[in-house]
Amino acid sequence: MQEGVRNLRFAAVAALAGLVVTGCGDETDPSSTPSPGPSSPAPTSPAPSTAPSSSTPTGGALPLTVTRTGGFAGFDDRVVIGTDGVATVSRRGKDPVKCRVDASLLTELTDAVQQVDWTAVGSTKPTVRHPDDMIIAVASGRGLARLEDPRLRPLTAPVTKLLTEAAAAPGKLCKPV
């Protein structure tokens, strides 16, 4: 009986962790366009799912580093996307993997990075606020902040997509190189 209760508790905690991780992100209606500030992005149709070439506009948005640390799951993930669209994905207990980020996701990320006023954001290293605090931080060559910072709102959806669909590289949105 004791073993069964313990297994049930573990399953409940694992399910809750999955819900928390997938729930962290964009809380807006997916059919609405977020309003990050004075300039809102125009809705775009998804780009074809091909590898980015040298013609993929990055406009100084890359390199970009996204880290996810802490939480009761003990995350320690790091995704570094280079100017060529190749990502190096590091996860706790696993060897780093290199993959090419899908062109549509790369475009979403670079567009969102360009919408952020990095001068206002600054470069303050995020600190733990409470036990089991999960920190998702985004760093460009121009600044560093927690993803939950309202000034990084344009990055919420693409970074969440990056962490949930591409960070488990190689995968659908990040093809091996």
N, C-alpha and C. Protein backbone atom coordinates (compact mmCIF):
# COMPACT_ATOMS: atom_id res chain seq x y z
N MET A 1 0.83 -1.20 0.00
CA MET A 1 0.00 0.00 0.00
C MET A 1 0.87 1.25 0.00
N GLN A 2 1.90 1.26 0.85
CA GLN A 2 2.79 2.40 0.96
C GLN A 2 3.45 2.70 -0.39
N GLU A 3 3.90 1.65 -1.12
CA GLU A 3 4.56 1.81 -2.42
C GLU A 3 3.59 2.38 -3.45
N GLY A 4 2.35 1.93 -3.43
CA GLY A 4 1.34 2.42 -4.38
C GLY A 4 1.05 3.89 -4.19
N VAL A 5 0.95 4.34 -2.94
CA VAL A 5 0.71 5.75 -2.64
C VAL A 5 1.90 6.58 -3.10
N ARG A 6 3.10 6.09 -2.86
CA ARG A 6 4.31 6.80 -3.26
C ARG A 6 4.35 6.95 -4.79
N ASN A 7 4.03 5.88 -5.53
CA ASN A 7 4.00 5.95 -6.99
C ASN A 7 2.92 6.91 -7.48
N LEU A 8 1.78 6.91 -6.83
CA LEU A 8 0.71 7.82 -7.20
C LEU A 8 1.12 9.27 -6.97
N ARG A 9 1.79 9.54 -5.86
CA ARG A 9 2.27 10.89 -5.58
C ARG A 9 3.28 11.32 -6.65
N PHE A 10 4.21 10.42 -6.99
CA PHE A 10 5.21 10.74 -8.00
C PHE A 10 4.54 11.06 -9.34
N ALA A 11 3.55 10.26 -9.74
CA ALA A 11 2.85 10.50 -11.00
C ALA A 11 2.13 11.84 -10.97
N ALA A 12 1.52 12.18 -9.84
CA ALA A 12 0.81 13.45 -9.72
C ALA A 12 1.78 14.62 -9.81
N VAL A 13 2.93 14.52 -9.16
CA VAL A 13 3.94 15.58 -9.21
C VAL A 13 4.48 15.73 -10.62
N ALA A 14 4.75 14.61 -11.30
CA ALA A 14 5.26 14.66 -12.68
C ALA A 14 4.23 15.30 -13.61
N ALA A 15 2.97 14.94 -13.46
CA ALA A 15 1.93 15.53 -14.30
C ALA A 15 1.79 17.03 -14.02
N LEU A 16 1.86 17.42 -12.76
CA LEU A 16 1.77 18.83 -12.41
C LEU A 16 2.96 19.60 -12.99
N ALA A 17 4.14 19.01 -12.93
CA ALA A 17 5.33 19.66 -13.49
C ALA A 17 5.17 19.88 -14.99
N GLY A 18 4.63 18.90 -15.68
CA GLY A 18 4.39 19.04 -17.12
C GLY A 18 3.40 20.16 -17.41
N LEU A 19 2.35 20.24 -16.62
CA LEU A 19 1.36 21.30 -16.81
C LEU A 19 1.95 22.67 -16.54
N VAL A 20 2.77 22.76 -15.50
CA VAL A 20 3.39 24.05 -15.16
C VAL A 20 4.32 24.49 -16.27
N VAL A 21 5.14 23.58 -16.79
CA VAL A 21 6.10 23.93 -17.83
C VAL A 21 5.37 24.33 -19.11
N THR A 22 4.36 23.58 -19.51
CA THR A 22 3.64 23.94 -20.73
C THR A 22 2.77 25.16 -20.53
N GLY A 23 2.38 25.43 -19.29
CA GLY A 23 1.54 26.60 -19.02
C GLY A 23 2.34 27.88 -18.90
N CYS A 24 3.65 27.77 -18.72
CA CYS A 24 4.49 28.96 -18.62
C CYS A 24 4.65 29.54 -20.01
N GLY A 25 4.17 30.72 -20.21
CA GLY A 25 4.33 31.32 -21.52
C GLY A 25 3.24 32.31 -21.81
N ASP A 26 2.85 32.33 -23.05
CA ASP A 26 1.91 33.33 -23.52
C ASP A 26 0.52 33.04 -22.97
N GLU A 27 -0.02 33.98 -22.24
CA GLU A 27 -1.33 33.81 -21.64
C GLU A 27 -2.41 34.50 -22.46
N THR A 28 -2.06 35.00 -23.63
CA THR A 28 -3.02 35.70 -24.45
C THR A 28 -3.76 34.73 -25.35
N ASP A 29 -4.86 35.19 -25.89
CA ASP A 29 -5.62 34.43 -26.86
C ASP A 29 -4.75 34.27 -28.11
N PRO A 30 -4.53 33.02 -28.60
CA PRO A 30 -3.65 32.84 -29.73
C PRO A 30 -4.12 33.55 -30.99
N SER A 31 -5.41 33.88 -31.08
CA SER A 31 -5.89 34.56 -32.27
C SER A 31 -5.69 36.07 -32.21
N SER A 32 -5.25 36.58 -31.05
CA SER A 32 -5.04 38.01 -30.94
C SER A 32 -3.56 38.32 -31.03
N THR A 33 -3.25 39.52 -31.48
CA THR A 33 -1.87 39.96 -31.58
C THR A 33 -1.50 40.68 -30.31
N PRO A 34 -0.41 40.26 -29.63
CA PRO A 34 -0.03 40.94 -28.40
C PRO A 34 0.37 42.37 -28.66
N SER A 35 0.17 43.23 -27.65
CA SER A 35 0.57 44.62 -27.82
C SER A 35 1.72 44.92 -26.88
N PRO A 36 2.98 44.72 -27.38
CA PRO A 36 4.14 44.90 -26.54
C PRO A 36 4.47 46.33 -26.23
N GLY A 37 3.90 47.24 -26.90
CA GLY A 37 4.23 48.64 -26.69
C GLY A 37 3.74 49.45 -27.87
N PRO A 38 4.46 50.50 -28.20
CA PRO A 38 4.02 51.38 -29.25
C PRO A 38 3.90 50.72 -30.61
N SER A 39 4.72 49.74 -30.90
CA SER A 39 4.61 49.11 -32.21
C SER A 39 4.28 47.65 -32.03
N SER A 40 3.17 47.23 -32.59
CA SER A 40 2.72 45.86 -32.50
C SER A 40 3.06 45.15 -33.80
N PRO A 41 3.52 43.89 -33.75
CA PRO A 41 3.88 43.22 -34.98
C PRO A 41 2.65 42.90 -35.81
N ALA A 42 2.79 43.00 -37.11
CA ALA A 42 1.70 42.64 -38.00
C ALA A 42 1.65 41.13 -38.08
N PRO A 43 0.45 40.53 -38.10
CA PRO A 43 0.36 39.09 -38.20
C PRO A 43 1.02 38.64 -39.50
N THR A 44 1.75 37.56 -39.42
CA THR A 44 2.41 37.04 -40.60
C THR A 44 2.02 35.60 -40.80
N SER A 45 2.10 35.15 -42.03
CA SER A 45 1.84 33.75 -42.29
C SER A 45 3.13 33.00 -42.05
N PRO A 46 3.05 31.75 -41.60
CA PRO A 46 4.26 31.02 -41.29
C PRO A 46 5.12 30.82 -42.52
N ALA A 47 6.43 30.91 -42.32
CA ALA A 47 7.36 30.69 -43.41
C ALA A 47 7.47 29.20 -43.66
N PRO A 48 7.86 28.80 -44.86
CA PRO A 48 8.02 27.38 -45.12
C PRO A 48 9.08 26.79 -44.20
N SER A 49 8.92 25.53 -43.88
CA SER A 49 9.81 24.87 -42.94
C SER A 49 11.07 24.39 -43.65
N THR A 50 11.96 25.32 -43.92
CA THR A 50 13.22 24.99 -44.56
C THR A 50 14.35 25.53 -43.71
N ALA A 51 15.53 25.04 -43.97
CA ALA A 51 16.68 25.52 -43.21
C ALA A 51 16.98 26.95 -43.60
N PRO A 52 17.31 27.80 -42.63
CA PRO A 52 17.62 29.18 -42.95
C PRO A 52 18.90 29.27 -43.75
N SER A 53 18.92 30.17 -44.67
CA SER A 53 20.12 30.38 -45.45
C SER A 53 20.75 31.68 -45.02
N SER A 54 21.79 32.06 -45.72
CA SER A 54 22.45 33.31 -45.36
C SER A 54 21.55 34.50 -45.63
N SER A 55 20.44 34.28 -46.37
CA SER A 55 19.53 35.38 -46.65
C SER A 55 18.50 35.56 -45.55
N THR A 56 18.47 34.65 -44.54
CA THR A 56 17.55 34.81 -43.42
C THR A 56 17.95 36.04 -42.63
N PRO A 57 17.05 37.04 -42.54
CA PRO A 57 17.42 38.27 -41.87
C PRO A 57 17.50 38.08 -40.36
N THR A 58 18.64 38.41 -39.79
CA THR A 58 18.75 38.35 -38.34
C THR A 58 18.91 39.75 -37.78
N GLY A 59 19.28 40.71 -38.60
CA GLY A 59 19.33 42.12 -38.22
C GLY A 59 19.95 42.41 -36.88
N GLY A 60 21.01 41.72 -36.51
CA GLY A 60 21.65 41.98 -35.23
C GLY A 60 20.92 41.36 -34.06
N ALA A 61 19.86 40.59 -34.30
CA ALA A 61 19.10 39.97 -33.22
C ALA A 61 19.83 38.77 -32.64
N LEU A 62 20.72 38.20 -33.41
CA LEU A 62 21.45 37.02 -32.96
C LEU A 62 22.92 37.36 -32.78
N PRO A 63 23.63 36.68 -31.95
CA PRO A 63 23.26 35.48 -31.21
C PRO A 63 22.29 35.78 -30.06
N LEU A 64 21.56 34.74 -29.68
CA LEU A 64 20.56 34.84 -28.62
C LEU A 64 20.75 33.63 -27.70
N THR A 65 20.73 33.87 -26.40
CA THR A 65 20.86 32.79 -25.43
C THR A 65 19.61 32.75 -24.56
N VAL A 66 19.04 31.56 -24.44
CA VAL A 66 17.87 31.35 -23.59
C VAL A 66 18.27 30.29 -22.56
N THR A 67 18.08 30.60 -21.29
CA THR A 67 18.37 29.63 -20.24
C THR A 67 17.12 29.38 -19.41
N ARG A 68 16.99 28.15 -18.96
CA ARG A 68 15.89 27.77 -18.05
C ARG A 68 16.55 27.01 -16.91
N THR A 69 16.48 27.59 -15.71
CA THR A 69 17.12 26.98 -14.56
C THR A 69 16.17 26.93 -13.38
N GLY A 70 16.43 25.96 -12.48
CA GLY A 70 15.67 25.87 -11.25
C GLY A 70 14.33 25.20 -11.41
N GLY A 71 13.39 25.67 -10.60
CA GLY A 71 12.08 25.03 -10.55
C GLY A 71 12.18 23.74 -9.76
N PHE A 72 11.05 23.18 -9.39
CA PHE A 72 11.13 21.94 -8.60
C PHE A 72 11.56 20.76 -9.45
N ALA A 73 11.59 20.93 -10.79
CA ALA A 73 12.11 19.88 -11.66
C ALA A 73 13.62 19.96 -11.80
N GLY A 74 14.22 21.06 -11.32
CA GLY A 74 15.67 21.20 -11.37
C GLY A 74 16.21 21.41 -12.78
N PHE A 75 15.54 22.24 -13.56
CA PHE A 75 15.98 22.49 -14.92
C PHE A 75 17.37 23.11 -14.95
N ASP A 76 18.10 22.80 -15.99
CA ASP A 76 19.37 23.45 -16.28
C ASP A 76 19.57 23.34 -17.79
N ASP A 77 18.77 24.11 -18.54
CA ASP A 77 18.79 24.07 -20.00
C ASP A 77 19.37 25.37 -20.54
N ARG A 78 20.08 25.25 -21.65
CA ARG A 78 20.66 26.43 -22.30
C ARG A 78 20.57 26.22 -23.80
N VAL A 79 20.01 27.21 -24.48
CA VAL A 79 19.94 27.19 -25.94
C VAL A 79 20.62 28.46 -26.44
N VAL A 80 21.68 28.28 -27.23
CA VAL A 80 22.39 29.41 -27.81
C VAL A 80 22.20 29.33 -29.31
N ILE A 81 21.56 30.36 -29.88
CA ILE A 81 21.32 30.40 -31.32
C ILE A 81 22.31 31.37 -31.94
N GLY A 82 23.14 30.86 -32.83
CA GLY A 82 24.14 31.68 -33.50
C GLY A 82 23.57 32.45 -34.67
N THR A 83 24.38 33.33 -35.24
CA THR A 83 23.93 34.17 -36.36
C THR A 83 23.59 33.35 -37.59
N ASP A 84 24.09 32.13 -37.66
CA ASP A 84 23.80 31.26 -38.80
C ASP A 84 22.54 30.42 -38.60
N GLY A 85 21.85 30.59 -37.47
CA GLY A 85 20.63 29.83 -37.20
C GLY A 85 20.89 28.47 -36.60
N VAL A 86 22.15 28.16 -36.29
CA VAL A 86 22.47 26.90 -35.66
C VAL A 86 22.43 27.09 -34.14
N ALA A 87 21.73 26.19 -33.48
CA ALA A 87 21.57 26.26 -32.03
C ALA A 87 22.42 25.18 -31.35
N THR A 88 22.98 25.54 -30.23
CA THR A 88 23.65 24.57 -29.37
C THR A 88 22.74 24.41 -28.16
N VAL A 89 22.24 23.20 -27.97
CA VAL A 89 21.28 22.92 -26.90
C VAL A 89 21.97 22.07 -25.84
N SER A 90 22.00 22.59 -24.61
CA SER A 90 22.60 21.87 -23.49
C SER A 90 21.52 21.62 -22.45
N ARG A 91 21.46 20.38 -21.95
CA ARG A 91 20.50 20.01 -20.91
C ARG A 91 21.22 19.23 -19.83
N ARG A 92 20.75 19.36 -18.62
CA ARG A 92 21.37 18.67 -17.49
C ARG A 92 21.49 17.17 -17.79
N GLY A 93 22.71 16.66 -17.61
CA GLY A 93 22.93 15.23 -17.75
C GLY A 93 23.03 14.73 -19.17
N LYS A 94 23.01 15.62 -20.16
CA LYS A 94 23.08 15.18 -21.56
C LYS A 94 24.19 15.94 -22.28
N ASP A 95 24.72 15.32 -23.30
CA ASP A 95 25.74 15.99 -24.10
C ASP A 95 25.09 17.10 -24.92
N PRO A 96 25.80 18.21 -25.14
CA PRO A 96 25.26 19.29 -25.98
C PRO A 96 24.99 18.78 -27.40
N VAL A 97 23.94 19.32 -27.99
CA VAL A 97 23.53 18.94 -29.34
C VAL A 97 23.48 20.19 -30.19
N LYS A 98 23.94 20.09 -31.44
CA LYS A 98 23.83 21.21 -32.38
C LYS A 98 22.74 20.87 -33.39
N CYS A 99 21.92 21.88 -33.69
CA CYS A 99 20.86 21.68 -34.66
C CYS A 99 20.54 23.02 -35.33
N ARG A 100 19.92 22.94 -36.50
CA ARG A 100 19.53 24.15 -37.23
C ARG A 100 18.07 24.46 -36.91
N VAL A 101 17.83 25.66 -36.38
CA VAL A 101 16.49 26.08 -36.00
C VAL A 101 15.65 26.28 -37.26
N ASP A 102 14.42 25.78 -37.20
CA ASP A 102 13.47 25.93 -38.30
C ASP A 102 13.36 27.41 -38.69
N ALA A 103 13.30 27.67 -39.99
CA ALA A 103 13.29 29.05 -40.50
C ALA A 103 12.13 29.87 -39.94
N SER A 104 10.95 29.27 -39.81
CA SER A 104 9.80 30.04 -39.31
C SER A 104 10.00 30.43 -37.84
N LEU A 105 10.53 29.52 -37.03
CA LEU A 105 10.78 29.83 -35.63
C LEU A 105 11.91 30.85 -35.51
N LEU A 106 12.93 30.72 -36.34
CA LEU A 106 14.04 31.67 -36.32
C LEU A 106 13.55 33.07 -36.67
N THR A 107 12.67 33.16 -37.65
CA THR A 107 12.11 34.46 -38.03
C THR A 107 11.27 35.04 -36.89
N GLU A 108 10.45 34.20 -36.25
CA GLU A 108 9.65 34.66 -35.10
C GLU A 108 10.55 35.21 -34.01
N LEU A 109 11.63 34.48 -33.71
CA LEU A 109 12.55 34.91 -32.65
C LEU A 109 13.25 36.22 -33.00
N THR A 110 13.79 36.32 -34.22
CA THR A 110 14.52 37.54 -34.58
C THR A 110 13.59 38.74 -34.65
N ASP A 111 12.38 38.55 -35.16
CA ASP A 111 11.41 39.65 -35.18
C ASP A 111 11.09 40.12 -33.76
N ALA A 112 10.90 39.16 -32.85
CA ALA A 112 10.57 39.51 -31.46
C ALA A 112 11.75 40.20 -30.77
N VAL A 113 12.96 39.73 -31.00
CA VAL A 113 14.15 40.36 -30.39
C VAL A 113 14.25 41.81 -30.84
N GLN A 114 13.95 42.06 -32.10
CA GLN A 114 14.05 43.43 -32.63
C GLN A 114 12.97 44.35 -32.09
N GLN A 115 11.89 43.80 -31.54
CA GLN A 115 10.82 44.62 -30.96
C GLN A 115 11.12 45.06 -29.54
N VAL A 116 12.10 44.42 -28.90
CA VAL A 116 12.42 44.71 -27.50
C VAL A 116 13.34 45.93 -27.42
N ASP A 117 13.04 46.83 -26.49
CA ASP A 117 13.90 47.98 -26.23
C ASP A 117 14.98 47.51 -25.25
N TRP A 118 16.07 46.98 -25.79
CA TRP A 118 17.12 46.39 -24.96
C TRP A 118 17.82 47.43 -24.10
N THR A 119 17.84 48.68 -24.53
CA THR A 119 18.45 49.73 -23.72
C THR A 119 17.69 49.87 -22.40
N ALA A 120 16.37 49.83 -22.46
CA ALA A 120 15.55 49.93 -21.25
C ALA A 120 15.66 48.66 -20.40
N VAL A 121 15.85 47.51 -21.05
CA VAL A 121 15.95 46.24 -20.34
C VAL A 121 17.23 46.18 -19.51
N GLY A 122 18.34 46.57 -20.12
CA GLY A 122 19.62 46.52 -19.41
C GLY A 122 20.16 45.11 -19.31
N SER A 123 21.10 44.90 -18.41
CA SER A 123 21.73 43.59 -18.23
C SER A 123 21.84 43.23 -16.76
N THR A 124 20.72 42.92 -16.17
CA THR A 124 20.71 42.51 -14.77
C THR A 124 20.52 41.01 -14.72
N LYS A 125 21.49 40.31 -14.15
CA LYS A 125 21.39 38.86 -14.05
C LYS A 125 20.22 38.49 -13.14
N PRO A 126 19.28 37.67 -13.64
CA PRO A 126 18.15 37.26 -12.81
C PRO A 126 18.61 36.47 -11.59
N THR A 127 17.95 36.72 -10.47
CA THR A 127 18.26 36.01 -9.23
C THR A 127 17.05 35.22 -8.76
N VAL A 128 17.31 34.23 -7.95
CA VAL A 128 16.24 33.39 -7.41
C VAL A 128 15.41 34.22 -6.44
N ARG A 129 14.09 34.20 -6.62
CA ARG A 129 13.19 34.99 -5.78
C ARG A 129 12.56 34.20 -4.65
N HIS A 130 12.48 32.89 -4.83
CA HIS A 130 11.88 32.03 -3.81
C HIS A 130 12.34 30.60 -4.07
N PRO A 131 12.16 29.70 -3.09
CA PRO A 131 12.54 28.30 -3.32
C PRO A 131 11.82 27.75 -4.55
N ASP A 132 12.50 26.94 -5.31
CA ASP A 132 11.96 26.31 -6.52
C ASP A 132 11.60 27.32 -7.59
N ASP A 133 12.19 28.50 -7.57
CA ASP A 133 11.96 29.52 -8.59
C ASP A 133 12.55 29.03 -9.91
N MET A 134 11.73 28.95 -10.95
CA MET A 134 12.21 28.60 -12.27
C MET A 134 12.49 29.90 -13.02
N ILE A 135 13.72 30.08 -13.43
CA ILE A 135 14.12 31.29 -14.13
C ILE A 135 14.31 30.99 -15.61
N ILE A 136 13.55 31.67 -16.43
CA ILE A 136 13.78 31.62 -17.88
C ILE A 136 14.33 32.99 -18.22
N ALA A 137 15.57 33.00 -18.68
CA ALA A 137 16.24 34.26 -19.00
C ALA A 137 16.59 34.30 -20.47
N VAL A 138 16.54 35.51 -21.02
CA VAL A 138 16.88 35.73 -22.43
C VAL A 138 17.99 36.77 -22.47
N ALA A 139 19.03 36.46 -23.24
CA ALA A 139 20.16 37.39 -23.38
C ALA A 139 20.46 37.59 -24.85
N SER A 140 20.55 38.84 -25.24
CA SER A 140 21.03 39.18 -26.57
C SER A 140 22.33 39.91 -26.35
N GLY A 141 22.95 40.34 -27.42
CA GLY A 141 24.18 41.11 -27.27
C GLY A 141 23.92 42.47 -26.65
N ARG A 142 22.64 42.81 -26.47
CA ARG A 142 22.28 44.14 -25.97
C ARG A 142 21.61 44.15 -24.61
N GLY A 143 21.34 42.97 -24.04
CA GLY A 143 20.68 42.95 -22.74
C GLY A 143 20.40 41.56 -22.23
N LEU A 144 19.94 41.48 -20.98
CA LEU A 144 19.63 40.22 -20.31
C LEU A 144 18.51 40.47 -19.31
N ALA A 145 17.51 39.60 -19.31
CA ALA A 145 16.41 39.73 -18.35
C ALA A 145 15.61 38.43 -18.29
N ARG A 146 14.79 38.34 -17.24
CA ARG A 146 13.84 37.23 -17.15
C ARG A 146 12.81 37.37 -18.27
N LEU A 147 12.33 36.26 -18.77
CA LEU A 147 11.31 36.28 -19.80
C LEU A 147 10.03 36.94 -19.30
N GLU A 148 9.76 36.86 -18.00
CA GLU A 148 8.53 37.44 -17.44
C GLU A 148 8.58 38.97 -17.36
N ASP A 149 9.74 39.58 -17.63
CA ASP A 149 9.84 41.04 -17.65
C ASP A 149 8.89 41.56 -18.72
N PRO A 150 8.00 42.49 -18.39
CA PRO A 150 7.02 42.99 -19.37
C PRO A 150 7.67 43.56 -20.63
N ARG A 151 8.89 44.03 -20.53
CA ARG A 151 9.57 44.59 -21.71
C ARG A 151 9.99 43.50 -22.68
N LEU A 152 9.98 42.24 -22.26
CA LEU A 152 10.32 41.12 -23.13
C LEU A 152 9.07 40.41 -23.67
N ARG A 153 7.92 41.02 -23.46
CA ARG A 153 6.66 40.39 -23.88
C ARG A 153 6.66 39.87 -25.32
N PRO A 154 7.24 40.59 -26.30
CA PRO A 154 7.24 40.06 -27.67
C PRO A 154 7.94 38.70 -27.78
N LEU A 155 8.83 38.39 -26.84
CA LEU A 155 9.57 37.14 -26.90
C LEU A 155 8.86 35.96 -26.25
N THR A 156 7.79 36.21 -25.51
CA THR A 156 7.14 35.16 -24.74
C THR A 156 6.75 33.96 -25.59
N ALA A 157 5.99 34.15 -26.64
CA ALA A 157 5.52 33.02 -27.45
C ALA A 157 6.66 32.31 -28.17
N PRO A 158 7.54 33.02 -28.89
CA PRO A 158 8.59 32.27 -29.59
C PRO A 158 9.59 31.58 -28.65
N VAL A 159 9.90 32.16 -27.51
CA VAL A 159 10.82 31.51 -26.57
C VAL A 159 10.16 30.29 -25.95
N THR A 160 8.88 30.39 -25.64
CA THR A 160 8.15 29.24 -25.11
C THR A 160 8.15 28.11 -26.12
N LYS A 161 7.90 28.45 -27.38
CA LYS A 161 7.93 27.45 -28.45
C LYS A 161 9.33 26.84 -28.56
N LEU A 162 10.34 27.68 -28.47
CA LEU A 162 11.72 27.20 -28.54
C LEU A 162 11.99 26.19 -27.42
N LEU A 163 11.60 26.52 -26.21
CA LEU A 163 11.88 25.64 -25.08
C LEU A 163 11.04 24.36 -25.09
N THR A 164 9.81 24.42 -25.57
CA THR A 164 8.95 23.24 -25.53
C THR A 164 9.09 22.36 -26.76
N GLU A 165 9.42 22.95 -27.91
CA GLU A 165 9.44 22.15 -29.13
C GLU A 165 10.83 21.99 -29.74
N ALA A 166 11.72 22.94 -29.52
CA ALA A 166 13.02 22.86 -30.16
C ALA A 166 14.14 22.49 -29.20
N ALA A 167 13.98 22.75 -27.93
CA ALA A 167 15.06 22.50 -26.97
C ALA A 167 15.29 21.01 -26.75
N ALA A 168 14.33 20.19 -27.14
CA ALA A 168 14.52 18.73 -27.04
C ALA A 168 15.15 18.26 -28.35
N ALA A 169 16.22 18.94 -28.74
CA ALA A 169 16.86 18.70 -30.03
C ALA A 169 17.51 17.32 -30.09
N PRO A 170 17.59 16.74 -31.26
CA PRO A 170 16.97 17.23 -32.49
C PRO A 170 15.47 16.92 -32.47
N GLY A 171 14.72 17.72 -33.16
CA GLY A 171 13.28 17.54 -33.18
C GLY A 171 12.66 18.23 -34.38
N LYS A 172 11.36 18.41 -34.31
CA LYS A 172 10.62 18.99 -35.42
C LYS A 172 11.10 20.39 -35.78
N LEU A 173 11.45 21.20 -34.80
CA LEU A 173 11.84 22.59 -35.06
C LEU A 173 13.35 22.83 -34.98
N CYS A 174 14.11 21.76 -34.84
CA CYS A 174 15.55 21.91 -34.77
C CYS A 174 16.18 20.63 -35.34
N LYS A 175 16.61 20.72 -36.60
CA LYS A 175 17.15 19.55 -37.31
C LYS A 175 18.65 19.42 -37.07
N PRO A 176 19.14 18.20 -36.90
CA PRO A 176 20.56 17.98 -36.63
C PRO A 176 21.46 18.54 -37.74
N VAL A 177 22.62 19.04 -37.33
CA VAL A 177 23.61 19.52 -38.32
C VAL A 177 24.84 18.66 -38.27
